Every structure is written in structure tokens, then in C-alpha cells.
Amino acid sequence: MTAAPAAPAAPPDTDFGLALIGCGGFGSYVLDAVRDIPGLRVVVCADAERDRAAALAARCGPTVVVRKTVGEAVSVPGVDVVVLATPPVAHADAAVTALRAGKHVFCEKPIALTLEGAAHVAAEADRAPGVFVVDHVLRYNPILRLLQRLGGEGLLDALRRFSFENDASDEDLGPDHWFWDPARSGGIHIEHGVHFFDAASALMGSVPVEVQGTAVRRDGGPVDIVVATATHPGGGVATHTHSFTHAHRAERQLMRLDYGFAEARVTGWIPTFATITAWTDDAGAARWERLPDRAADLLTVPGLRPHGHERITVAVTRGAGSDRPASGRGVTRTVPHRVDCVIDLGGEPRKPYVYAESVRAAMTDLLHCAVHGTAPVADARAGLAAVAVAEAATRSAQTGGRALPVTAPTTGTVGGAD
């Protein structure tokens, strides 16, 4: 069934002025994604390259001013929200400056290159009056949000194993690109892997207790393949593989989620398509069959505007298996019926749309929390936890792959959804 367009999140009842720090390609992307949110207006574009800031400011209107630094930007009257879209090395200092100025902060990941820096940002966010949101965009993806909801409803058991394989492109990453320089990016686990360490923590509802890392260096070049295996409390395991070695047209990503009597396969690093295979009883089969009628609610993420062609389809094959009790990892059930569920946001062609709308949803979350005094889904503690896992994986790889403990908060919003 096609998901009916959900009503957009109610606009905030306060006017928010926005300062963008970092006016490169990604900064422009974020600005385009959020600038039409009701109650949000662009006030400042800031970049060390003033001409780049001026060009983007001219696109946003004649009243937008140009500055070079975050300190200058937060001093402009009318600035309430600071968006940090600089290279990762600048995130921590800029975040602290903006938080100490009393601003709300929307920070691109990672929040810092080191655990020490991330802890500093999180501590500032804890005591600052402003709301802090890290752009862990997967937390605002409709498919992952749906999986969390199905878990909350008992249709999916606790996640036993999270596996993500990312064959990413390096076609636009020349040898001098900052991405390859750990001093500027933190390395692949920190610059890119934090998205998926965070997604695993959100889906499992816990931060790992230890992680083992591996790094592979291309001949005569940088580390371009990394692997991390993280152990979560209660016996859950998450494996993460990132390979920046492909042409754009040969990119592929697969997230496999093992729920015991069910499995989900999610494609794309921005998920747009997923399948769930599950074994269930009579009552469960009836509940699965009702999901298409609930598509709009199940796929709702406040601030994300559906395009109207999202679909959930469910087919139940009754009697596909024996009616004898089946057991796995100490759990025994009578589950003779097979469920095949498809969640389709439009597939790969819809990736740019879903990505931009997920960024919009993250900003909507920040504004909602600023008005109502609530905690965001992707807060500074989530950002800190992801950096803690990433740093431990990086250090493990550098020290021969020995499993290392993860020093990170065990409370907070690691499992937050709504």
C-alpha cells in the first residue's frame, strides 16, 4: 500500500535565525535542505574563504551577512542556531564556541576527532542553554525508524547481530583530499564510521563494551579499507566494513539485521529499500498483514515530508514450515508461517530526496526541542558514544587488532526514536 503523505511537523512558534559555518558543497547542501522550514531564516554565511561565503549568502537573500569565523558569526544579532559544516577537524572548537555563546548547534558528524574532544563538546552541551544535535542522519531515516517501532511492538525481537558492508566510492577523493589525512578527518572509522556505530547503538539500544579493528592500506597509499567488530551488552555483535575503493557506479551497501526469528536486509547507506523475512504464529501473521494499512504512521518522521509513493507490502505464507516448536539461542516458539515484508521508499533514485529530508527532520527535531525543552533524538551523548567506538576501533587496528574496551556513556539517547 502507498503511504499517504503525513502531516508535516507543526512549525515552531518562535522565529530562529541561522548561521552557517562552512560554505562548501556540504554546507550548501544542508542549507538547501533546511532553509524552507517554517520559522527558520538564514542570517549569516561564514567561511574562511570569504568569496565562497559571499556567493552562498547572495543565493539566500540580500539581508544575509558574510563572516569568516564562528566567533564572528555568533556575534551577529539575530543568530539563534549555528550549523557546523566544516571539515571534521574544526567541529569541536566551533561547537564549544557556539554553545558558550548560548546558541543551538546543528553539528555535522563527527562531533570531534578524539574521545577527549567529543567528551568536551558533550560536557559543554550538557550545561549550555542551547540544544545540540549531531547530524547522525540515519536516526531520522524512515526505514530504520520503522524497524525500531516494530521492535517496540514486539514484532521483531531484540537485535542479535548488526552487519554493515559499505563499498564506497573514492572517485572524487584525490590523493591530497583531506579525507585521507587522519589529522584532519580522524580516519575512516571516525569520519564516516560514526554514522553506523551510532545506527547500531540506536537499533540495539546500547553502546558496545569492546571493539576490535582492522585497517588495510592500499599499496603506496592511505588506509582505504577498515573493519570493526563491536560486542554489545547481552551478547549482541555488530560488524562494520568500509571500503573506499570503488567507482561511483559500482558503489553498494548492505545492512543485515539478525533478529533471530526474523531478518532485515536494508540497502543503501541512505536506506531507501528493505526486506524483512520473519517466522511467526497465527496472531503474529495477522499483525504483520495489517502493516500496509499503517504505512503512513510507521514511516512517519517529524519534519520529513514523504513524496507519497512510499510502500509497505506484506505477504504471509501460512504453513510454510512445520507446526512443531522451533528453537534458537534458547528461545522456543511455534512459528509455522513465513512473512515477507518489503519497505520501499522509492529505491536508489529516491536517495537524494530521502537524504535531504532526513537532514530536514534532524533540524526540525532541534527546533522542536528548542521550543519545548525536550531532548533530541541525536544529541551530544550519542555523538560522544559514536566517537568513543570509532576511536577504540582505530586504536585497535593500530595495535595489531587487539580488542579494546569502549569508554563511553551507557545512558542517554542511544536508543531514541521519537
Protein backbone atom coordinates (compact mmCIF):
# COMPACT_ATOMS: atom_id res chain seq x y z
CA MET A 1 0.00 0.00 0.00
CA THR A 2 1.16 3.53 -0.74
CA ALA A 3 1.84 5.63 2.32
CA ALA A 4 -0.40 8.67 2.48
CA PRO A 5 1.54 11.90 2.91
CA ALA A 6 1.96 12.57 6.60
CA ALA A 7 1.21 15.98 8.01
CA PRO A 8 4.43 17.96 8.43
CA ALA A 9 5.64 18.71 11.91
CA ALA A 10 3.97 21.78 13.35
CA PRO A 11 6.11 24.86 12.72
CA PRO A 12 7.86 26.25 15.76
CA ASP A 13 6.17 29.20 17.41
CA THR A 14 9.47 31.06 17.56
CA ASP A 15 11.49 32.67 14.77
CA PHE A 16 15.01 31.23 14.52
CA GLY A 17 17.93 32.93 12.81
CA LEU A 18 20.54 30.57 11.33
CA ALA A 19 24.28 30.97 10.87
CA LEU A 20 26.01 28.52 8.53
CA ILE A 21 29.68 27.86 9.28
CA GLY A 22 31.37 26.24 6.29
CA CYS A 23 30.05 27.20 2.87
CA GLY A 24 31.47 24.38 0.77
CA GLY A 25 29.47 21.75 -1.03
CA PHE A 26 28.08 20.11 2.09
CA GLY A 27 27.25 23.38 3.79
CA SER A 28 25.29 24.43 0.73
CA TYR A 29 23.55 21.03 0.75
CA VAL A 30 22.45 21.38 4.38
CA LEU A 31 21.25 24.91 3.81
CA ASP A 32 19.14 23.86 0.84
CA ALA A 33 17.66 21.02 2.91
CA VAL A 34 16.58 23.15 5.86
CA ARG A 35 16.06 26.74 4.68
CA ASP A 36 12.34 26.30 3.93
CA ILE A 37 11.47 25.03 7.43
CA PRO A 38 8.80 27.37 8.83
CA GLY A 39 10.23 29.71 11.41
CA LEU A 40 13.82 29.38 10.19
CA ARG A 41 15.65 32.17 8.32
CA VAL A 42 19.25 32.46 7.17
CA VAL A 43 21.14 35.33 8.84
CA VAL A 44 24.86 34.57 8.32
CA CYS A 45 27.06 32.61 5.93
CA ALA A 46 30.59 32.19 7.28
CA ASP A 47 33.67 30.62 5.74
CA ALA A 48 37.42 31.15 5.92
CA GLU A 49 37.18 31.75 2.15
CA ARG A 50 35.11 34.90 2.19
CA ASP A 51 34.23 34.73 -1.51
CA ARG A 52 32.68 31.31 -1.03
CA ALA A 53 30.56 32.60 1.85
CA ALA A 54 29.55 35.64 -0.17
CA ALA A 55 28.41 33.53 -3.11
CA LEU A 56 26.19 31.39 -0.89
CA ALA A 57 24.86 34.41 1.00
CA ALA A 58 23.84 36.02 -2.29
CA ARG A 59 21.71 32.94 -3.04
CA CYS A 60 19.93 33.29 0.30
CA GLY A 61 18.88 36.92 0.05
CA PRO A 62 20.13 40.48 0.34
CA THR A 63 19.92 40.64 4.14
CA VAL A 64 22.28 37.70 4.76
CA VAL A 65 25.65 38.87 6.07
CA VAL A 66 29.07 37.35 5.46
CA ARG A 67 31.62 36.47 8.12
CA LYS A 68 34.82 34.40 8.27
CA THR A 69 34.78 32.68 11.68
CA VAL A 70 32.31 31.07 14.05
CA GLY A 71 33.20 33.70 16.67
CA GLU A 72 32.24 36.48 14.27
CA ALA A 73 29.09 34.66 13.20
CA VAL A 74 27.67 34.09 16.69
CA SER A 75 28.14 37.79 17.43
CA VAL A 76 25.73 38.84 14.68
CA PRO A 77 22.39 39.95 16.16
CA GLY A 78 19.54 37.56 15.47
CA VAL A 79 21.56 34.35 15.30
CA ASP A 80 19.91 31.53 17.27
CA VAL A 81 21.04 28.35 15.50
CA VAL A 82 24.56 27.57 14.29
CA VAL A 83 25.08 24.92 11.60
CA LEU A 84 28.61 23.49 11.54
CA ALA A 85 29.51 22.12 8.10
CA THR A 86 33.29 22.49 8.20
CA PRO A 87 35.82 19.64 7.83
CA PRO A 88 35.79 17.42 10.95
CA VAL A 89 38.96 18.84 12.49
CA ALA A 90 37.12 22.12 13.20
CA HIS A 91 33.91 20.69 14.69
CA ALA A 92 34.81 20.50 18.37
CA ASP A 93 36.20 24.02 18.81
CA ALA A 94 33.40 25.55 16.75
CA ALA A 95 30.74 23.65 18.69
CA VAL A 96 32.14 24.81 22.02
CA THR A 97 32.31 28.42 20.81
CA ALA A 98 28.70 28.35 19.64
CA LEU A 99 27.42 26.59 22.77
CA ARG A 100 29.20 29.06 25.05
CA ALA A 101 27.58 31.87 23.10
CA GLY A 102 24.20 30.41 24.06
CA LYS A 103 23.31 29.16 20.58
CA HIS A 104 21.58 26.00 19.45
CA VAL A 105 24.01 23.86 17.44
CA PHE A 106 23.47 21.55 14.48
CA CYS A 107 26.82 19.80 14.05
CA GLU A 108 27.91 17.62 11.16
CA LYS A 109 29.46 14.36 12.32
CA PRO A 110 31.79 13.54 13.96
CA ILE A 111 31.45 15.98 16.82
CA ALA A 112 35.23 15.72 17.34
CA LEU A 113 38.23 13.75 16.10
CA THR A 114 39.08 12.32 19.52
CA LEU A 115 37.24 10.95 22.52
CA GLU A 116 38.68 13.74 24.64
CA GLY A 117 37.35 16.37 22.24
CA ALA A 118 33.95 14.69 21.99
CA ALA A 119 33.68 14.49 25.78
CA HIS A 120 34.46 18.20 25.98
CA VAL A 121 31.70 19.01 23.48
CA ALA A 122 29.21 16.76 25.31
CA ALA A 123 30.05 18.37 28.64
CA GLU A 124 29.53 21.84 27.17
CA ALA A 125 26.22 20.71 25.64
CA ASP A 126 25.08 19.34 29.00
CA ARG A 127 25.47 22.70 30.70
CA ALA A 128 24.66 25.05 27.81
CA PRO A 129 21.18 26.55 27.38
CA GLY A 130 21.11 25.66 23.69
CA VAL A 131 20.04 22.38 22.06
CA PHE A 132 22.77 20.32 20.42
CA VAL A 133 22.00 17.94 17.53
CA VAL A 134 24.62 15.90 15.67
CA ASP A 135 23.79 15.08 12.06
CA HIS A 136 23.56 11.33 12.60
CA VAL A 137 21.14 11.30 9.73
CA LEU A 138 20.29 7.58 9.94
CA ARG A 139 18.36 8.19 13.15
CA TYR A 140 15.91 10.19 11.07
CA ASN A 141 15.55 7.64 8.27
CA PRO A 142 12.00 6.22 7.88
CA ILE A 143 13.14 2.61 7.38
CA LEU A 144 15.31 2.49 10.49
CA ARG A 145 12.61 4.32 12.42
CA LEU A 146 10.10 1.66 11.30
CA LEU A 147 12.40 -1.15 12.45
CA GLN A 148 12.63 0.46 15.87
CA ARG A 149 8.85 0.72 16.01
CA LEU A 150 8.37 -2.92 15.05
CA GLY A 151 10.79 -3.86 17.81
CA GLY A 152 8.86 -1.76 20.30
CA GLU A 153 5.66 -3.52 19.27
CA GLY A 154 7.18 -6.98 19.67
CA LEU A 155 7.02 -7.98 16.01
CA LEU A 156 10.82 -8.04 16.00
CA ASP A 157 12.88 -9.46 18.87
CA ALA A 158 15.96 -7.79 20.26
CA LEU A 159 18.61 -7.33 17.59
CA ARG A 160 21.27 -10.05 17.87
CA ARG A 161 23.59 -9.06 15.06
CA PHE A 162 24.14 -5.91 13.04
CA SER A 163 26.26 -6.17 9.90
CA PHE A 164 27.05 -3.31 7.53
CA GLU A 165 29.12 -3.61 4.37
CA ASN A 166 29.95 -0.39 2.56
CA ASP A 167 31.69 -0.50 -0.81
CA ALA A 168 32.03 3.25 -1.23
CA SER A 169 33.50 5.41 -3.97
CA ASP A 170 36.88 7.09 -3.91
CA GLU A 171 36.42 8.51 -7.39
CA ASP A 172 36.28 12.11 -6.13
CA LEU A 173 38.84 11.62 -3.37
CA GLY A 174 42.15 12.63 -4.88
CA PRO A 175 45.42 11.80 -3.10
CA ASP A 176 45.54 15.25 -1.46
CA HIS A 177 41.91 15.24 -0.26
CA TRP A 178 41.51 15.95 3.47
CA PHE A 179 39.52 12.70 3.81
CA TRP A 180 42.76 10.65 3.67
CA ASP A 181 44.54 12.74 6.32
CA PRO A 182 43.76 11.40 9.83
CA ALA A 183 44.90 14.70 11.32
CA ARG A 184 42.01 16.42 9.51
CA SER A 185 39.40 13.66 9.22
CA GLY A 186 40.23 11.28 12.06
CA GLY A 187 40.39 8.38 9.62
CA ILE A 188 37.58 6.34 8.10
CA HIS A 189 36.17 4.93 11.35
CA ILE A 190 35.81 8.43 12.81
CA GLU A 191 34.94 10.47 9.71
CA HIS A 192 32.49 8.00 8.18
CA GLY A 193 32.03 5.04 10.50
CA VAL A 194 30.38 7.07 13.27
CA HIS A 195 27.12 7.04 11.25
CA PHE A 196 26.93 3.27 11.52
CA PHE A 197 28.34 2.84 15.01
CA ASP A 198 25.53 5.19 16.02
CA ALA A 199 22.90 3.35 13.95
CA ALA A 200 23.91 0.04 15.55
CA SER A 201 23.69 1.58 19.01
CA ALA A 202 20.27 3.04 18.25
CA LEU A 203 18.91 -0.25 16.90
CA MET A 204 20.46 -2.37 19.67
CA GLY A 205 19.69 0.14 22.40
CA SER A 206 23.22 0.01 23.77
CA VAL A 207 26.78 1.22 23.32
CA PRO A 208 29.36 -1.54 22.66
CA VAL A 209 31.52 -2.70 25.53
CA GLU A 210 34.52 -3.52 23.34
CA VAL A 211 35.64 -3.31 19.73
CA GLN A 212 38.27 -4.91 17.52
CA GLY A 213 39.54 -3.05 14.47
CA THR A 214 41.41 -3.86 11.27
CA ALA A 215 42.86 -1.43 8.72
CA VAL A 216 44.15 -2.16 5.22
CA ARG A 217 46.42 0.26 3.37
CA ARG A 218 46.45 0.37 -0.43
CA ASP A 219 49.85 -0.17 -1.98
CA GLY A 220 51.76 3.06 -1.63
CA GLY A 221 48.70 4.93 -0.43
CA PRO A 222 46.40 5.60 2.51
CA VAL A 223 44.25 3.27 4.59
CA ASP A 224 41.17 2.73 2.42
CA ILE A 225 39.53 -0.37 3.95
CA VAL A 226 38.60 -0.70 7.61
CA VAL A 227 36.69 -3.33 9.58
CA ALA A 228 35.38 -3.17 13.14
CA THR A 229 33.69 -5.84 15.23
CA ALA A 230 31.88 -4.47 18.26
CA THR A 231 30.44 -6.51 21.13
CA HIS A 232 27.29 -5.11 22.73
CA PRO A 233 25.89 -5.94 26.16
CA GLY A 234 23.78 -9.09 26.27
CA GLY A 235 25.66 -10.88 23.52
CA GLY A 236 24.86 -8.67 20.54
CA VAL A 237 27.53 -8.22 17.88
CA ALA A 238 27.93 -5.51 15.23
CA THR A 239 30.37 -5.74 12.32
CA HIS A 240 31.22 -2.73 10.18
CA THR A 241 33.18 -2.77 6.92
CA HIS A 242 34.01 0.36 4.93
CA SER A 243 35.93 0.20 1.67
CA PHE A 244 36.61 3.45 -0.18
CA THR A 245 37.86 1.72 -3.34
CA HIS A 246 35.08 1.86 -5.94
CA ALA A 247 33.81 3.87 -8.86
CA HIS A 248 30.54 5.72 -8.23
CA ARG A 249 28.60 3.36 -10.46
CA ALA A 250 29.94 0.33 -8.57
CA GLU A 251 29.05 1.57 -5.07
CA ARG A 252 26.91 -0.75 -2.96
CA GLN A 253 25.88 -1.02 0.66
CA LEU A 254 24.03 -3.68 2.62
CA MET A 255 22.89 -3.66 6.23
CA ARG A 256 21.86 -7.07 7.53
CA LEU A 257 19.98 -7.23 10.82
CA ASP A 258 19.52 -10.57 12.60
CA TYR A 259 16.55 -10.68 14.97
CA GLY A 260 16.60 -14.45 15.46
CA PHE A 261 13.22 -15.47 14.03
CA ALA A 262 13.40 -12.52 11.61
CA GLU A 263 15.97 -10.91 9.35
CA ALA A 264 16.00 -7.47 7.74
CA ARG A 265 18.14 -6.53 4.75
CA VAL A 266 18.49 -2.79 4.17
CA THR A 267 20.17 -1.40 1.06
CA GLY A 268 21.93 1.92 0.56
CA TRP A 269 23.92 3.93 3.10
CA ILE A 270 20.92 6.21 2.99
CA PRO A 271 18.32 3.43 3.29
CA THR A 272 15.60 3.54 0.65
CA PHE A 273 14.64 -0.13 0.37
CA ALA A 274 14.43 -3.03 2.80
CA THR A 275 13.08 -6.54 3.09
CA ILE A 276 12.09 -8.38 6.24
CA THR A 277 11.70 -12.16 6.41
CA ALA A 278 10.09 -13.45 9.59
CA TRP A 279 8.60 -16.62 11.05
CA THR A 280 5.52 -16.21 13.20
CA ASP A 281 2.35 -17.73 14.63
CA ASP A 282 -1.31 -17.06 13.79
CA ALA A 283 -1.59 -13.89 15.86
CA GLY A 284 1.69 -12.56 14.53
CA ALA A 285 0.68 -13.27 10.93
CA ALA A 286 -2.47 -11.21 11.38
CA ARG A 287 -0.46 -8.31 12.85
CA TRP A 288 2.06 -8.38 10.00
CA GLU A 289 -0.75 -8.36 7.44
CA ARG A 290 -2.11 -5.12 8.92
CA LEU A 291 1.17 -3.22 8.44
CA PRO A 292 0.39 -1.89 4.93
CA ASP A 293 -2.66 -0.09 6.32
CA ARG A 294 -0.40 1.56 8.89
CA ALA A 295 2.32 2.59 6.42
CA ALA A 296 1.91 6.34 6.87
CA ASP A 297 2.24 6.15 10.66
CA LEU A 298 5.02 3.57 10.67
CA LEU A 299 7.16 5.59 8.25
CA THR A 300 6.49 8.97 9.82
CA VAL A 301 9.49 11.02 10.91
CA PRO A 302 8.53 14.53 12.09
CA GLY A 303 9.86 17.12 9.68
CA LEU A 304 10.42 14.61 6.87
CA ARG A 305 7.96 15.13 4.02
CA PRO A 306 7.03 11.87 2.27
CA HIS A 307 6.84 12.05 -1.51
CA GLY A 308 3.63 9.99 -1.48
CA HIS A 309 4.81 6.80 -3.16
CA GLU A 310 6.38 5.01 -0.17
CA ARG A 311 5.13 1.44 0.08
CA ILE A 312 4.91 -1.37 2.59
CA THR A 313 3.82 -4.73 1.21
CA VAL A 314 3.37 -7.92 3.21
CA ALA A 315 2.86 -11.50 2.04
CA VAL A 316 2.23 -14.28 4.55
CA THR A 317 2.67 -17.89 3.53
CA ARG A 318 0.73 -19.92 6.07
CA GLY A 319 2.04 -23.37 6.81
CA ALA A 320 5.36 -22.67 5.11
CA GLY A 321 7.09 -24.52 7.95
CA SER A 322 6.32 -27.24 10.43
CA ASP A 323 4.00 -26.54 13.33
CA ARG A 324 6.45 -28.27 15.64
CA PRO A 325 8.21 -25.93 18.12
CA ALA A 326 11.38 -24.31 16.71
CA SER A 327 14.33 -23.24 18.86
CA GLY A 328 17.23 -20.84 18.51
CA ARG A 329 19.58 -19.40 21.13
CA GLY A 330 17.42 -20.78 23.90
CA VAL A 331 14.14 -19.37 22.56
CA THR A 332 11.42 -21.87 21.58
CA ARG A 333 8.30 -20.95 19.61
CA THR A 334 5.69 -22.41 17.32
CA VAL A 335 6.12 -20.34 14.16
CA PRO A 336 4.79 -22.14 11.07
CA HIS A 337 4.07 -19.04 8.96
CA ARG A 338 6.58 -17.14 6.83
CA VAL A 339 6.29 -13.38 6.43
CA ASP A 340 7.86 -11.48 3.52
CA CYS A 341 7.68 -7.73 4.02
CA VAL A 342 9.02 -5.05 1.65
CA ILE A 343 9.56 -1.41 2.63
CA ASP A 344 10.19 0.76 -0.40
CA LEU A 345 10.88 4.50 -0.22
CA GLY A 346 11.47 4.59 -3.96
CA GLY A 347 14.79 2.76 -4.16
CA GLU A 348 18.12 4.26 -5.19
CA PRO A 349 16.57 7.03 -7.37
CA ARG A 350 14.98 8.46 -4.22
CA LYS A 351 18.23 8.51 -2.23
CA PRO A 352 18.90 12.27 -2.71
CA TYR A 353 15.35 13.08 -1.64
CA VAL A 354 15.39 10.84 1.44
CA TYR A 355 18.83 12.14 2.43
CA ALA A 356 17.82 15.79 2.22
CA GLU A 357 14.54 15.17 4.02
CA SER A 358 16.32 13.29 6.80
CA VAL A 359 18.60 16.30 7.33
CA ARG A 360 15.48 18.46 7.38
CA ALA A 361 13.97 16.16 10.01
CA ALA A 362 17.09 16.45 12.18
CA MET A 363 16.87 20.25 12.08
CA THR A 364 13.14 20.07 12.80
CA ASP A 365 13.98 17.97 15.85
CA LEU A 366 16.41 20.64 17.05
CA LEU A 367 13.84 23.43 16.64
CA HIS A 368 11.11 21.42 18.33
CA CYS A 369 13.37 20.74 21.30
CA ALA A 370 14.42 24.38 21.46
CA VAL A 371 10.76 25.42 21.75
CA HIS A 372 9.55 22.66 24.06
CA GLY A 373 12.63 21.94 26.16
CA THR A 374 12.82 18.27 25.23
CA ALA A 375 15.84 16.13 24.32
CA PRO A 376 16.69 15.50 20.64
CA VAL A 377 16.98 12.05 19.09
CA ALA A 378 20.63 12.58 18.10
CA ASP A 379 22.16 14.54 20.96
CA ALA A 380 25.73 15.18 22.04
CA ARG A 381 25.82 11.99 24.12
CA ALA A 382 25.02 9.96 21.01
CA GLY A 383 27.79 11.82 19.18
CA LEU A 384 30.21 11.11 22.03
CA ALA A 385 29.35 7.41 22.10
CA ALA A 386 29.92 7.05 18.35
CA VAL A 387 33.33 8.75 18.56
CA ALA A 388 34.25 6.52 21.51
CA VAL A 389 33.59 3.39 19.46
CA ALA A 390 35.35 4.82 16.40
CA GLU A 391 38.44 5.84 18.35
CA ALA A 392 38.67 2.43 20.02
CA ALA A 393 38.36 0.70 16.63
CA THR A 394 41.07 2.95 15.19
CA ARG A 395 43.43 2.30 18.11
CA SER A 396 42.74 -1.43 17.94
CA ALA A 397 43.74 -1.52 14.27
CA GLN A 398 46.91 0.42 15.05
CA THR A 399 47.89 -2.02 17.81
CA GLY A 400 47.51 -5.30 15.94
CA GLY A 401 43.77 -5.84 16.19
CA ARG A 402 43.57 -6.41 19.93
CA ALA A 403 40.03 -5.94 21.27
CA LEU A 404 39.81 -2.73 23.29
CA PRO A 405 37.17 -1.53 25.76
CA VAL A 406 34.86 1.28 24.70
CA THR A 407 34.87 4.17 27.14
CA ALA A 408 31.52 5.83 26.55
CA PRO A 409 28.32 6.71 28.41
CA THR A 410 25.95 3.81 28.89
CA THR A 411 22.92 6.07 29.34
CA GLY A 412 21.39 8.78 27.23
CA THR A 413 19.60 8.57 23.91
CA VAL A 414 21.41 5.67 22.26
CA GLY A 415 18.09 4.02 21.51
CA GLY A 416 15.96 7.12 20.94
CA ALA A 417 13.43 7.15 18.12
CA ASP A 418 10.73 9.73 18.62
